[in-house]
Amino acid sequence: MLTITLSMVSWFVNGGPVGMSVLTIILVLLLFAAWKAPAWVKEIGIIALVFGIFYQLLGIYQMCGYIQNYPDVSYPVLCGGLKVSMIPTFYGIIIYMISLVLRIIQKPRVA
């Protein structure tokens, strides 16, 4: 259990504390909306997905700027940077999937 928690914390830190914090706030808003404003659940999930992709593109842009200044970057470092840049996108996709599941649960039953 401790290793899972440490792994989640390291993913959070590696994904970028600012972007991951914003995505976590969006997740909390999603759960609150599922309780108080169910009509907004899907839209909040889409916001999380788009923000995760935006944050990944921002990280890739920053990485490309670094590579432009220091062109002798090795392939393992480059692949590590690409791998780390995918973490916010994964988190955004997970939040979007949660929003879809919540929306399915909240749909009225067909009698």
PDB file of N, CA and C in Angstrom:
ATOM      1  N   MET A   1       0.826  -1.190   0.000  1.00  0.00           N
ATOM      2  CA  MET A   1       0.000   0.000   0.000  1.00  0.00           C
ATOM      3  C   MET A   1       0.868   1.251   0.000  1.00  0.00           C
ATOM      4  N   LEU A   2       1.958   1.215   0.756  1.00  0.00           N
ATOM      5  CA  LEU A   2       2.850   2.368   0.829  1.00  0.00           C
ATOM      6  C   LEU A   2       3.532   2.607  -0.509  1.00  0.00           C
ATOM      7  N   THR A   3       3.909   1.531  -1.205  1.00  0.00           N
ATOM      8  CA  THR A   3       4.569   1.703  -2.500  1.00  0.00           C
ATOM      9  C   THR A   3       3.616   2.293  -3.531  1.00  0.00           C
ATOM     10  N   ILE A   4       2.334   1.917  -3.465  1.00  0.00           N
ATOM     11  CA  ILE A   4       1.354   2.492  -4.392  1.00  0.00           C
ATOM     12  C   ILE A   4       1.201   3.986  -4.120  1.00  0.00           C
ATOM     13  N   THR A   5       1.142   4.366  -2.858  1.00  0.00           N
ATOM     14  CA  THR A   5       1.004   5.768  -2.495  1.00  0.00           C
ATOM     15  C   THR A   5       2.228   6.561  -2.938  1.00  0.00           C
ATOM     16  N   LEU A   6       3.427   6.009  -2.715  1.00  0.00           N
ATOM     17  CA  LEU A   6       4.644   6.703  -3.137  1.00  0.00           C
ATOM     18  C   LEU A   6       4.712   6.818  -4.651  1.00  0.00           C
ATOM     19  N   SER A   7       4.242   5.787  -5.353  1.00  0.00           N
ATOM     20  CA  SER A   7       4.233   5.834  -6.810  1.00  0.00           C
ATOM     21  C   SER A   7       3.282   6.917  -7.305  1.00  0.00           C
ATOM     22  N   MET A   8       2.116   7.036  -6.676  1.00  0.00           N
ATOM     23  CA  MET A   8       1.156   8.064  -7.070  1.00  0.00           C
ATOM     24  C   MET A   8       1.711   9.459  -6.793  1.00  0.00           C
ATOM     25  N   VAL A   9       2.396   9.636  -5.683  1.00  0.00           N
ATOM     26  CA  VAL A   9       2.989  10.931  -5.353  1.00  0.00           C
ATOM     27  C   VAL A   9       4.098  11.260  -6.347  1.00  0.00           C
ATOM     28  N   SER A  10       4.913  10.287  -6.719  1.00  0.00           N
ATOM     29  CA  SER A  10       5.982  10.564  -7.680  1.00  0.00           C
ATOM     30  C   SER A  10       5.408  10.903  -9.052  1.00  0.00           C
ATOM     31  N   TRP A  11       4.318  10.248  -9.461  1.00  0.00           N
ATOM     32  CA  TRP A  11       3.655  10.601 -10.723  1.00  0.00           C
ATOM     33  C   TRP A  11       3.131  12.033 -10.644  1.00  0.00           C
ATOM     34  N   PHE A  12       2.549  12.395  -9.501  1.00  0.00           N
ATOM     35  CA  PHE A  12       2.012  13.740  -9.322  1.00  0.00           C
ATOM     36  C   PHE A  12       3.125  14.773  -9.454  1.00  0.00           C
ATOM     37  N   VAL A  13       4.255  14.541  -8.813  1.00  0.00           N
ATOM     38  CA  VAL A  13       5.368  15.490  -8.847  1.00  0.00           C
ATOM     39  C   VAL A  13       6.002  15.507 -10.239  1.00  0.00           C
ATOM     40  N   ASN A  14       6.198  14.343 -10.847  1.00  0.00           N
ATOM     41  CA  ASN A  14       6.815  14.285 -12.168  1.00  0.00           C
ATOM     42  C   ASN A  14       5.926  14.907 -13.242  1.00  0.00           C
ATOM     43  N   GLY A  15       4.623  14.821 -13.084  1.00  0.00           N
ATOM     44  CA  GLY A  15       3.700  15.388 -14.053  1.00  0.00           C
ATOM     45  C   GLY A  15       3.651  16.900 -14.020  1.00  0.00           C
ATOM     46  N   GLY A  16       4.246  17.495 -13.020  1.00  0.00           N
ATOM     47  CA  GLY A  16       4.243  18.952 -12.884  1.00  0.00           C
ATOM     48  C   GLY A  16       3.250  19.363 -11.820  1.00  0.00           C
ATOM     49  N   PRO A  17       3.728  19.889 -10.723  1.00  0.00           N
ATOM     50  CA  PRO A  17       2.844  20.186  -9.598  1.00  0.00           C
ATOM     51  C   PRO A  17       1.714  21.160  -9.939  1.00  0.00           C
ATOM     52  N   VAL A  18       1.978  22.133 -10.800  1.00  0.00           N
ATOM     53  CA  VAL A  18       0.946  23.129 -11.118  1.00  0.00           C
ATOM     54  C   VAL A  18      -0.175  22.483 -11.925  1.00  0.00           C
ATOM     55  N   GLY A  19       0.185  21.828 -13.020  1.00  0.00           N
ATOM     56  CA  GLY A  19      -0.834  21.209 -13.872  1.00  0.00           C
ATOM     57  C   GLY A  19      -1.581  20.091 -13.181  1.00  0.00           C
ATOM     58  N   MET A  20      -0.866  19.274 -12.424  1.00  0.00           N
ATOM     59  CA  MET A  20      -1.514  18.170 -11.721  1.00  0.00           C
ATOM     60  C   MET A  20      -2.419  18.702 -10.602  1.00  0.00           C
ATOM     61  N   SER A  21      -2.023  19.812  -9.981  1.00  0.00           N
ATOM     62  CA  SER A  21      -2.886  20.411  -8.960  1.00  0.00           C
ATOM     63  C   SER A  21      -4.166  20.951  -9.587  1.00  0.00           C
ATOM     64  N   VAL A  22      -4.042  21.596 -10.745  1.00  0.00           N
ATOM     65  CA  VAL A  22      -5.231  22.096 -11.433  1.00  0.00           C
ATOM     66  C   VAL A  22      -6.137  20.937 -11.825  1.00  0.00           C
ATOM     67  N   LEU A  23      -5.555  19.852 -12.321  1.00  0.00           N
ATOM     68  CA  LEU A  23      -6.368  18.692 -12.682  1.00  0.00           C
ATOM     69  C   LEU A  23      -7.038  18.068 -11.457  1.00  0.00           C
ATOM     70  N   THR A  24      -6.353  18.072 -10.316  1.00  0.00           N
ATOM     71  CA  THR A  24      -6.960  17.552  -9.096  1.00  0.00           C
ATOM     72  C   THR A  24      -8.114  18.450  -8.644  1.00  0.00           C
ATOM     73  N   ILE A  25      -7.957  19.754  -8.788  1.00  0.00           N
ATOM     74  CA  ILE A  25      -9.055  20.672  -8.463  1.00  0.00           C
ATOM     75  C   ILE A  25     -10.235  20.415  -9.393  1.00  0.00           C
ATOM     76  N   ILE A  26      -9.947  20.162 -10.672  1.00  0.00           N
ATOM     77  CA  ILE A  26     -11.017  19.850 -11.614  1.00  0.00           C
ATOM     78  C   ILE A  26     -11.715  18.553 -11.208  1.00  0.00           C
ATOM     79  N   LEU A  27     -10.949  17.571 -10.727  1.00  0.00           N
ATOM     80  CA  LEU A  27     -11.546  16.318 -10.260  1.00  0.00           C
ATOM     81  C   LEU A  27     -12.473  16.561  -9.073  1.00  0.00           C
ATOM     82  N   VAL A  28     -12.044  17.386  -8.141  1.00  0.00           N
ATOM     83  CA  VAL A  28     -12.888  17.711  -6.981  1.00  0.00           C
ATOM     84  C   VAL A  28     -14.151  18.438  -7.434  1.00  0.00           C
ATOM     85  N   LEU A  29     -14.000  19.372  -8.377  1.00  0.00           N
ATOM     86  CA  LEU A  29     -15.173  20.061  -8.927  1.00  0.00           C
ATOM     87  C   LEU A  29     -16.114  19.089  -9.621  1.00  0.00           C
ATOM     88  N   LEU A  30     -15.543  18.111 -10.300  1.00  0.00           N
ATOM     89  CA  LEU A  30     -16.356  17.092 -10.972  1.00  0.00           C
ATOM     90  C   LEU A  30     -17.182  16.301  -9.965  1.00  0.00           C
ATOM     91  N   LEU A  31     -16.546  15.872  -8.891  1.00  0.00           N
ATOM     92  CA  LEU A  31     -17.266  15.108  -7.872  1.00  0.00           C
ATOM     93  C   LEU A  31     -18.323  15.968  -7.191  1.00  0.00           C
ATOM     94  N   PHE A  32     -18.017  17.248  -6.977  1.00  0.00           N
ATOM     95  CA  PHE A  32     -19.003  18.158  -6.398  1.00  0.00           C
ATOM     96  C   PHE A  32     -20.163  18.378  -7.369  1.00  0.00           C
ATOM     97  N   ALA A  33     -19.852  18.515  -8.657  1.00  0.00           N
ATOM     98  CA  ALA A  33     -20.897  18.713  -9.662  1.00  0.00           C
ATOM     99  C   ALA A  33     -21.779  17.471  -9.792  1.00  0.00           C
ATOM    100  N   ALA A  34     -21.192  16.310  -9.622  1.00  0.00           N
ATOM    101  CA  ALA A  34     -21.997  15.084  -9.694  1.00  0.00           C
ATOM    102  C   ALA A  34     -23.044  15.069  -8.593  1.00  0.00           C
ATOM    103  N   TRP A  35     -22.745  15.735  -7.499  1.00  0.00           N
ATOM    104  CA  TRP A  35     -23.668  15.779  -6.375  1.00  0.00           C
ATOM    105  C   TRP A  35     -24.663  16.936  -6.509  1.00  0.00           C
ATOM    106  N   LYS A  36     -24.169  18.134  -6.909  1.00  0.00           N
ATOM    107  CA  LYS A  36     -25.006  19.331  -6.908  1.00  0.00           C
ATOM    108  C   LYS A  36     -25.515  19.749  -8.291  1.00  0.00           C
ATOM    109  N   ALA A  37     -24.704  19.570  -9.338  1.00  0.00           N
ATOM    110  CA  ALA A  37     -25.080  20.042 -10.676  1.00  0.00           C
ATOM    111  C   ALA A  37     -24.774  18.958 -11.709  1.00  0.00           C
ATOM    112  N   PRO A  38     -25.584  17.898 -11.764  1.00  0.00           N
ATOM    113  CA  PRO A  38     -25.280  16.771 -12.647  1.00  0.00           C
ATOM    114  C   PRO A  38     -25.194  17.117 -14.133  1.00  0.00           C
ATOM    115  N   ALA A  39     -25.807  18.200 -14.547  1.00  0.00           N
ATOM    116  CA  ALA A  39     -25.767  18.566 -15.964  1.00  0.00           C
ATOM    117  C   ALA A  39     -24.370  19.009 -16.400  1.00  0.00           C
ATOM    118  N   TRP A  40     -23.511  19.370 -15.465  1.00  0.00           N
ATOM    119  CA  TRP A  40     -22.180  19.858 -15.796  1.00  0.00           C
ATOM    120  C   TRP A  40     -21.111  18.773 -15.783  1.00  0.00           C
ATOM    121  N   VAL A  41     -21.453  17.564 -15.436  1.00  0.00           N
ATOM    122  CA  VAL A  41     -20.458  16.505 -15.234  1.00  0.00           C
ATOM    123  C   VAL A  41     -19.642  16.252 -16.496  1.00  0.00           C
ATOM    124  N   LYS A  42     -20.311  16.070 -17.617  1.00  0.00           N
ATOM    125  CA  LYS A  42     -19.593  15.765 -18.855  1.00  0.00           C
ATOM    126  C   LYS A  42     -18.704  16.936 -19.283  1.00  0.00           C
ATOM    127  N   GLU A  43     -19.198  18.154 -19.147  1.00  0.00           N
ATOM    128  CA  GLU A  43     -18.430  19.323 -19.553  1.00  0.00           C
ATOM    129  C   GLU A  43     -17.174  19.500 -18.699  1.00  0.00           C
ATOM    130  N   ILE A  44     -17.299  19.248 -17.414  1.00  0.00           N
ATOM    131  CA  ILE A  44     -16.128  19.346 -16.542  1.00  0.00           C
ATOM    132  C   ILE A  44     -15.117  18.257 -16.908  1.00  0.00           C
ATOM    133  N   GLY A  45     -15.592  17.068 -17.266  1.00  0.00           N
ATOM    134  CA  GLY A  45     -14.696  16.014 -17.723  1.00  0.00           C
ATOM    135  C   GLY A  45     -13.965  16.397 -18.997  1.00  0.00           C
ATOM    136  N   ILE A  46     -14.667  17.056 -19.914  1.00  0.00           N
ATOM    137  CA  ILE A  46     -14.031  17.511 -21.150  1.00  0.00           C
ATOM    138  C   ILE A  46     -12.980  18.579 -20.853  1.00  0.00           C
ATOM    139  N   ILE A  47     -13.272  19.458 -19.904  1.00  0.00           N
ATOM    140  CA  ILE A  47     -12.292  20.479 -19.504  1.00  0.00           C
ATOM    141  C   ILE A  47     -11.029  19.798 -18.973  1.00  0.00           C
ATOM    142  N   ALA A  48     -11.176  18.747 -18.169  1.00  0.00           N
ATOM    143  CA  ALA A  48     -10.017  18.035 -17.636  1.00  0.00           C
ATOM    144  C   ALA A  48      -9.206  17.403 -18.769  1.00  0.00           C
ATOM    145  N   LEU A  49      -9.890  16.796 -19.727  1.00  0.00           N
ATOM    146  CA  LEU A  49      -9.194  16.169 -20.851  1.00  0.00           C
ATOM    147  C   LEU A  49      -8.425  17.209 -21.660  1.00  0.00           C
ATOM    148  N   VAL A  50      -9.067  18.316 -21.982  1.00  0.00           N
ATOM    149  CA  VAL A  50      -8.422  19.359 -22.777  1.00  0.00           C
ATOM    150  C   VAL A  50      -7.253  19.989 -22.007  1.00  0.00           C
ATOM    151  N   PHE A  51      -7.427  20.203 -20.712  1.00  0.00           N
ATOM    152  CA  PHE A  51      -6.334  20.781 -19.924  1.00  0.00           C
ATOM    153  C   PHE A  51      -5.153  19.825 -19.843  1.00  0.00           C
ATOM    154  N   GLY A  52      -5.411  18.522 -19.717  1.00  0.00           N
ATOM    155  CA  GLY A  52      -4.320  17.554 -19.697  1.00  0.00           C
ATOM    156  C   GLY A  52      -3.539  17.557 -20.997  1.00  0.00           C
ATOM    157  N   ILE A  53      -4.235  17.609 -22.124  1.00  0.00           N
ATOM    158  CA  ILE A  53      -3.567  17.667 -23.423  1.00  0.00           C
ATOM    159  C   ILE A  53      -2.811  18.984 -23.566  1.00  0.00           C
ATOM    160  N   PHE A  54      -3.431  20.095 -23.151  1.00  0.00           N
ATOM    161  CA  PHE A  54      -2.772  21.392 -23.216  1.00  0.00           C
ATOM    162  C   PHE A  54      -1.486  21.403 -22.397  1.00  0.00           C
ATOM    163  N   TYR A  55      -1.539  20.844 -21.201  1.00  0.00           N
ATOM    164  CA  TYR A  55      -0.366  20.825 -20.331  1.00  0.00           C
ATOM    165  C   TYR A  55       0.730  19.943 -20.922  1.00  0.00           C
ATOM    166  N   GLN A  56       0.353  18.841 -21.587  1.00  0.00           N
ATOM    167  CA  GLN A  56       1.352  18.008 -22.250  1.00  0.00           C
ATOM    168  C   GLN A  56       2.009  18.785 -23.390  1.00  0.00           C
ATOM    169  N   LEU A  57       1.220  19.460 -24.196  1.00  0.00           N
ATOM    170  CA  LEU A  57       1.784  20.234 -25.301  1.00  0.00           C
ATOM    171  C   LEU A  57       2.684  21.356 -24.798  1.00  0.00           C
ATOM    172  N   LEU A  58       2.323  21.945 -23.680  1.00  0.00           N
ATOM    173  CA  LEU A  58       3.158  22.973 -23.077  1.00  0.00           C
ATOM    174  C   LEU A  58       4.511  22.383 -22.655  1.00  0.00           C
ATOM    175  N   GLY A  59       4.494  21.193 -22.083  1.00  0.00           N
ATOM    176  CA  GLY A  59       5.733  20.524 -21.694  1.00  0.00           C
ATOM    177  C   GLY A  59       6.589  20.147 -22.901  1.00  0.00           C
ATOM    178  N   ILE A  60       5.959  19.681 -23.968  1.00  0.00           N
ATOM    179  CA  ILE A  60       6.715  19.335 -25.182  1.00  0.00           C
ATOM    180  C   ILE A  60       7.307  20.594 -25.800  1.00  0.00           C
ATOM    181  N   TYR A  61       6.564  21.697 -25.795  1.00  0.00           N
ATOM    182  CA  TYR A  61       7.072  22.961 -26.301  1.00  0.00           C
ATOM    183  C   TYR A  61       8.306  23.404 -25.512  1.00  0.00           C
ATOM    184  N   GLN A  62       8.224  23.279 -24.208  1.00  0.00           N
ATOM    185  CA  GLN A  62       9.348  23.653 -23.358  1.00  0.00           C
ATOM    186  C   GLN A  62      10.540  22.733 -23.619  1.00  0.00           C
ATOM    187  N   MET A  63      10.282  21.455 -23.816  1.00  0.00           N
ATOM    188  CA  MET A  63      11.353  20.503 -24.095  1.00  0.00           C
ATOM    189  C   MET A  63      12.018  20.818 -25.437  1.00  0.00           C
ATOM    190  N   CYS A  64      11.222  21.181 -26.435  1.00  0.00           N
ATOM    191  CA  CYS A  64      11.788  21.525 -27.743  1.00  0.00           C
ATOM    192  C   CYS A  64      12.659  22.779 -27.652  1.00  0.00           C
ATOM    193  N   GLY A  65      12.259  23.739 -26.847  1.00  0.00           N
ATOM    194  CA  GLY A  65      13.083  24.925 -26.640  1.00  0.00           C
ATOM    195  C   GLY A  65      14.413  24.578 -25.995  1.00  0.00           C
ATOM    196  N   TYR A  66      14.388  23.665 -25.051  1.00  0.00           N
ATOM    197  CA  TYR A  66      15.629  23.228 -24.402  1.00  0.00           C
ATOM    198  C   TYR A  66      16.519  22.506 -25.407  1.00  0.00           C
ATOM    199  N   ILE A  67      15.938  21.642 -26.228  1.00  0.00           N
ATOM    200  CA  ILE A  67      16.720  20.891 -27.214  1.00  0.00           C
ATOM    201  C   ILE A  67      17.301  21.847 -28.261  1.00  0.00           C
ATOM    202  N   GLN A  68      16.585  22.912 -28.578  1.00  0.00           N
ATOM    203  CA  GLN A  68      17.093  23.900 -29.523  1.00  0.00           C
ATOM    204  C   GLN A  68      18.356  24.577 -28.975  1.00  0.00           C
ATOM    205  N   ASN A  69      18.377  24.841 -27.675  1.00  0.00           N
ATOM    206  CA  ASN A  69      19.544  25.485 -27.064  1.00  0.00           C
ATOM    207  C   ASN A  69      20.682  24.508 -26.807  1.00  0.00           C
ATOM    208  N   TYR A  70      20.366  23.252 -26.532  1.00  0.00           N
ATOM    209  CA  TYR A  70      21.371  22.225 -26.251  1.00  0.00           C
ATOM    210  C   TYR A  70      21.106  21.020 -27.159  1.00  0.00           C
ATOM    211  N   PRO A  71      21.594  21.047 -28.394  1.00  0.00           N
ATOM    212  CA  PRO A  71      21.210  20.023 -29.372  1.00  0.00           C
ATOM    213  C   PRO A  71      21.796  18.632 -29.120  1.00  0.00           C
ATOM    214  N   ASP A  72      22.718  18.479 -28.219  1.00  0.00           N
ATOM    215  CA  ASP A  72      23.323  17.165 -27.999  1.00  0.00           C
ATOM    216  C   ASP A  72      22.624  16.371 -26.896  1.00  0.00           C
ATOM    217  N   VAL A  73      21.304  16.458 -26.839  1.00  0.00           N
ATOM    218  CA  VAL A  73      20.515  15.716 -25.851  1.00  0.00           C
ATOM    219  C   VAL A  73      20.432  14.252 -26.300  1.00  0.00           C
ATOM    220  N   SER A  74      20.681  13.341 -25.383  1.00  0.00           N
ATOM    221  CA  SER A  74      20.660  11.916 -25.738  1.00  0.00           C
ATOM    222  C   SER A  74      19.217  11.421 -25.887  1.00  0.00           C
ATOM    223  N   TYR A  75      19.065  10.324 -26.610  1.00  0.00           N
ATOM    224  CA  TYR A  75      17.737   9.764 -26.840  1.00  0.00           C
ATOM    225  C   TYR A  75      17.052   9.270 -25.559  1.00  0.00           C
ATOM    226  N   PRO A  76      17.784   8.647 -24.624  1.00  0.00           N
ATOM    227  CA  PRO A  76      17.094   8.256 -23.379  1.00  0.00           C
ATOM    228  C   PRO A  76      16.524   9.446 -22.608  1.00  0.00           C
ATOM    229  N   VAL A  77      17.229  10.564 -22.603  1.00  0.00           N
ATOM    230  CA  VAL A  77      16.729  11.761 -21.917  1.00  0.00           C
ATOM    231  C   VAL A  77      15.511  12.300 -22.658  1.00  0.00           C
ATOM    232  N   LEU A  78      15.573  12.306 -23.984  1.00  0.00           N
ATOM    233  CA  LEU A  78      14.445  12.770 -24.789  1.00  0.00           C
ATOM    234  C   LEU A  78      13.211  11.899 -24.570  1.00  0.00           C
ATOM    235  N   CYS A  79      13.399  10.584 -24.578  1.00  0.00           N
ATOM    236  CA  CYS A  79      12.269   9.670 -24.351  1.00  0.00           C
ATOM    237  C   CYS A  79      11.729   9.800 -22.933  1.00  0.00           C
ATOM    238  N   GLY A  80      12.603  10.021 -21.969  1.00  0.00           N
ATOM    239  CA  GLY A  80      12.149  10.243 -20.592  1.00  0.00           C
ATOM    240  C   GLY A  80      11.300  11.494 -20.484  1.00  0.00           C
ATOM    241  N   GLY A  81      11.698  12.550 -21.200  1.00  0.00           N
ATOM    242  CA  GLY A  81      10.907  13.774 -21.200  1.00  0.00           C
ATOM    243  C   GLY A  81       9.546  13.579 -21.844  1.00  0.00           C
ATOM    244  N   LEU A  82       9.509  12.824 -22.940  1.00  0.00           N
ATOM    245  CA  LEU A  82       8.220  12.538 -23.584  1.00  0.00           C
ATOM    246  C   LEU A  82       7.323  11.701 -22.676  1.00  0.00           C
ATOM    247  N   LYS A  83       7.945  10.740 -21.989  1.00  0.00           N
ATOM    248  CA  LYS A  83       7.171   9.892 -21.077  1.00  0.00           C
ATOM    249  C   LYS A  83       6.579  10.712 -19.936  1.00  0.00           C
ATOM    250  N   VAL A  84       7.360  11.600 -19.377  1.00  0.00           N
ATOM    251  CA  VAL A  84       6.884  12.435 -18.278  1.00  0.00           C
ATOM    252  C   VAL A  84       5.802  13.409 -18.759  1.00  0.00           C
ATOM    253  N   SER A  85       5.929  13.875 -20.008  1.00  0.00           N
ATOM    254  CA  SER A  85       4.936  14.829 -20.513  1.00  0.00           C
ATOM    255  C   SER A  85       3.565  14.185 -20.707  1.00  0.00           C
ATOM    256  N   MET A  86       3.501  12.868 -20.763  1.00  0.00           N
ATOM    257  CA  MET A  86       2.221  12.186 -20.953  1.00  0.00           C
ATOM    258  C   MET A  86       1.413  12.030 -19.663  1.00  0.00           C
ATOM    259  N   ILE A  87       2.020  12.233 -18.517  1.00  0.00           N
ATOM    260  CA  ILE A  87       1.342  12.011 -17.239  1.00  0.00           C
ATOM    261  C   ILE A  87       0.098  12.892 -17.088  1.00  0.00           C
ATOM    262  N   PRO A  88       0.157  14.208 -17.347  1.00  0.00           N
ATOM    263  CA  PRO A  88      -1.074  15.010 -17.215  1.00  0.00           C
ATOM    264  C   PRO A  88      -2.166  14.580 -18.189  1.00  0.00           C
ATOM    265  N   THR A  89      -1.775  14.124 -19.372  1.00  0.00           N
ATOM    266  CA  THR A  89      -2.783  13.657 -20.321  1.00  0.00           C
ATOM    267  C   THR A  89      -3.460  12.401 -19.805  1.00  0.00           C
ATOM    268  N   PHE A  90      -2.696  11.480 -19.249  1.00  0.00           N
ATOM    269  CA  PHE A  90      -3.289  10.280 -18.653  1.00  0.00           C
ATOM    270  C   PHE A  90      -4.261  10.657 -17.540  1.00  0.00           C
ATOM    271  N   TYR A  91      -3.849  11.592 -16.697  1.00  0.00           N
ATOM    272  CA  TYR A  91      -4.692  12.021 -15.577  1.00  0.00           C
ATOM    273  C   TYR A  91      -5.972  12.677 -16.093  1.00  0.00           C
ATOM    274  N   GLY A  92      -5.842  13.502 -17.131  1.00  0.00           N
ATOM    275  CA  GLY A  92      -7.022  14.120 -17.731  1.00  0.00           C
ATOM    276  C   GLY A  92      -7.965  13.094 -18.342  1.00  0.00           C
ATOM    277  N   ILE A  93      -7.400  12.060 -18.986  1.00  0.00           N
ATOM    278  CA  ILE A  93      -8.230  10.992 -19.560  1.00  0.00           C
ATOM    279  C   ILE A  93      -8.947  10.222 -18.460  1.00  0.00           C
ATOM    280  N   ILE A  94      -8.257   9.954 -17.366  1.00  0.00           N
ATOM    281  CA  ILE A  94      -8.881   9.236 -16.247  1.00  0.00           C
ATOM    282  C   ILE A  94     -10.037  10.061 -15.676  1.00  0.00           C
ATOM    283  N   ILE A  95      -9.828  11.377 -15.518  1.00  0.00           N
ATOM    284  CA  ILE A  95     -10.894  12.235 -15.010  1.00  0.00           C
ATOM    285  C   ILE A  95     -12.066  12.248 -15.983  1.00  0.00           C
ATOM    286  N   TYR A  96     -11.783  12.291 -17.277  1.00  0.00           N
ATOM    287  CA  TYR A  96     -12.857  12.269 -18.275  1.00  0.00           C
ATOM    288  C   TYR A  96     -13.629  10.952 -18.214  1.00  0.00           C
ATOM    289  N   MET A  97     -12.918   9.841 -18.050  1.00  0.00           N
ATOM    290  CA  MET A  97     -13.607   8.546 -17.932  1.00  0.00           C
ATOM    291  C   MET A  97     -14.477   8.511 -16.686  1.00  0.00           C
ATOM    292  N   ILE A  98     -14.006   9.081 -15.587  1.00  0.00           N
ATOM    293  CA  ILE A  98     -14.818   9.153 -14.370  1.00  0.00           C
ATOM    294  C   ILE A  98     -16.083   9.970 -14.637  1.00  0.00           C
ATOM    295  N   SER A  99     -15.937  11.068 -15.398  1.00  0.00           N
ATOM    296  CA  SER A  99     -17.120  11.888 -15.693  1.00  0.00           C
ATOM    297  C   SER A  99     -18.118  11.113 -16.542  1.00  0.00           C
ATOM    298  N   LEU A 100     -17.636  10.303 -17.471  1.00  0.00           N
ATOM    299  CA  LEU A 100     -18.554   9.514 -18.294  1.00  0.00           C
ATOM    300  C   LEU A 100     -19.267   8.447 -17.465  1.00  0.00           C
ATOM    301  N   VAL A 101     -18.539   7.816 -16.556  1.00  0.00           N
ATOM    302  CA  VAL A 101     -19.157   6.805 -15.691  1.00  0.00           C
ATOM    303  C   VAL A 101     -20.202   7.461 -14.790  1.00  0.00           C
ATOM    304  N   LEU A 102     -19.872   8.619 -14.230  1.00  0.00           N
ATOM    305  CA  LEU A 102     -20.846   9.326 -13.391  1.00  0.00           C
ATOM    306  C   LEU A 102     -22.077   9.722 -14.189  1.00  0.00           C
ATOM    307  N   ARG A 103     -21.860  10.129 -15.422  1.00  0.00           N
ATOM    308  CA  ARG A 103     -23.008  10.511 -16.259  1.00  0.00           C
ATOM    309  C   ARG A 103     -23.889   9.307 -16.574  1.00  0.00           C
ATOM    310  N   ILE A 104     -23.263   8.163 -16.818  1.00  0.00           N
ATOM    311  CA  ILE A 104     -24.044   6.935 -17.073  1.00  0.00           C
ATOM    312  C   ILE A 104     -24.840   6.559 -15.836  1.00  0.00           C
ATOM    313  N   ILE A 105     -24.232   6.682 -14.670  1.00  0.00           N
ATOM    314  CA  ILE A 105     -24.924   6.341 -13.428  1.00  0.00           C
ATOM    315  C   ILE A 105     -26.099   7.282 -13.190  1.00  0.00           C
ATOM    316  N   GLN A 106     -25.928   8.555 -13.551  1.00  0.00           N
ATOM    317  CA  GLN A 106     -26.970   9.549 -13.278  1.00  0.00           C
ATOM    318  C   GLN A 106     -28.078   9.568 -14.311  1.00  0.00           C
ATOM    319  N   LYS A 107     -27.922   8.903 -15.431  1.00  0.00           N
ATOM    320  CA  LYS A 107     -28.973   8.905 -16.456  1.00  0.00           C
ATOM    321  C   LYS A 107     -30.236   8.264 -15.900  1.00  0.00           C
ATOM    322  N   PRO A 108     -31.381   8.807 -16.306  1.00  0.00           N
ATOM    323  CA  PRO A 108     -32.624   8.186 -15.835  1.00  0.00           C
ATOM    324  C   PRO A 108     -32.797   6.794 -16.420  1.00  0.00           C
ATOM    325  N   ARG A 109     -33.348   5.926 -15.637  1.00  0.00           N
ATOM    326  CA  ARG A 109     -33.564   4.537 -16.058  1.00  0.00           C
ATOM    327  C   ARG A 109     -34.736   4.448 -17.023  1.00  0.00           C
ATOM    328  N   VAL A 110     -34.599   3.598 -18.013  1.00  0.00           N
ATOM    329  CA  VAL A 110     -35.689   3.358 -18.963  1.00  0.00           C
ATOM    330  C   VAL A 110     -36.573   2.268 -18.376  1.00  0.00           C
ATOM    331  N   ALA A 111     -37.844   2.559 -18.251  1.00  0.00           N
ATOM    332  CA  ALA A 111     -38.762   1.598 -17.632  1.00  0.00           C
ATOM    333  C   ALA A 111     -39.403   0.699 -18.632  1.00  0.00           C
TER     334      ALA A 111
END
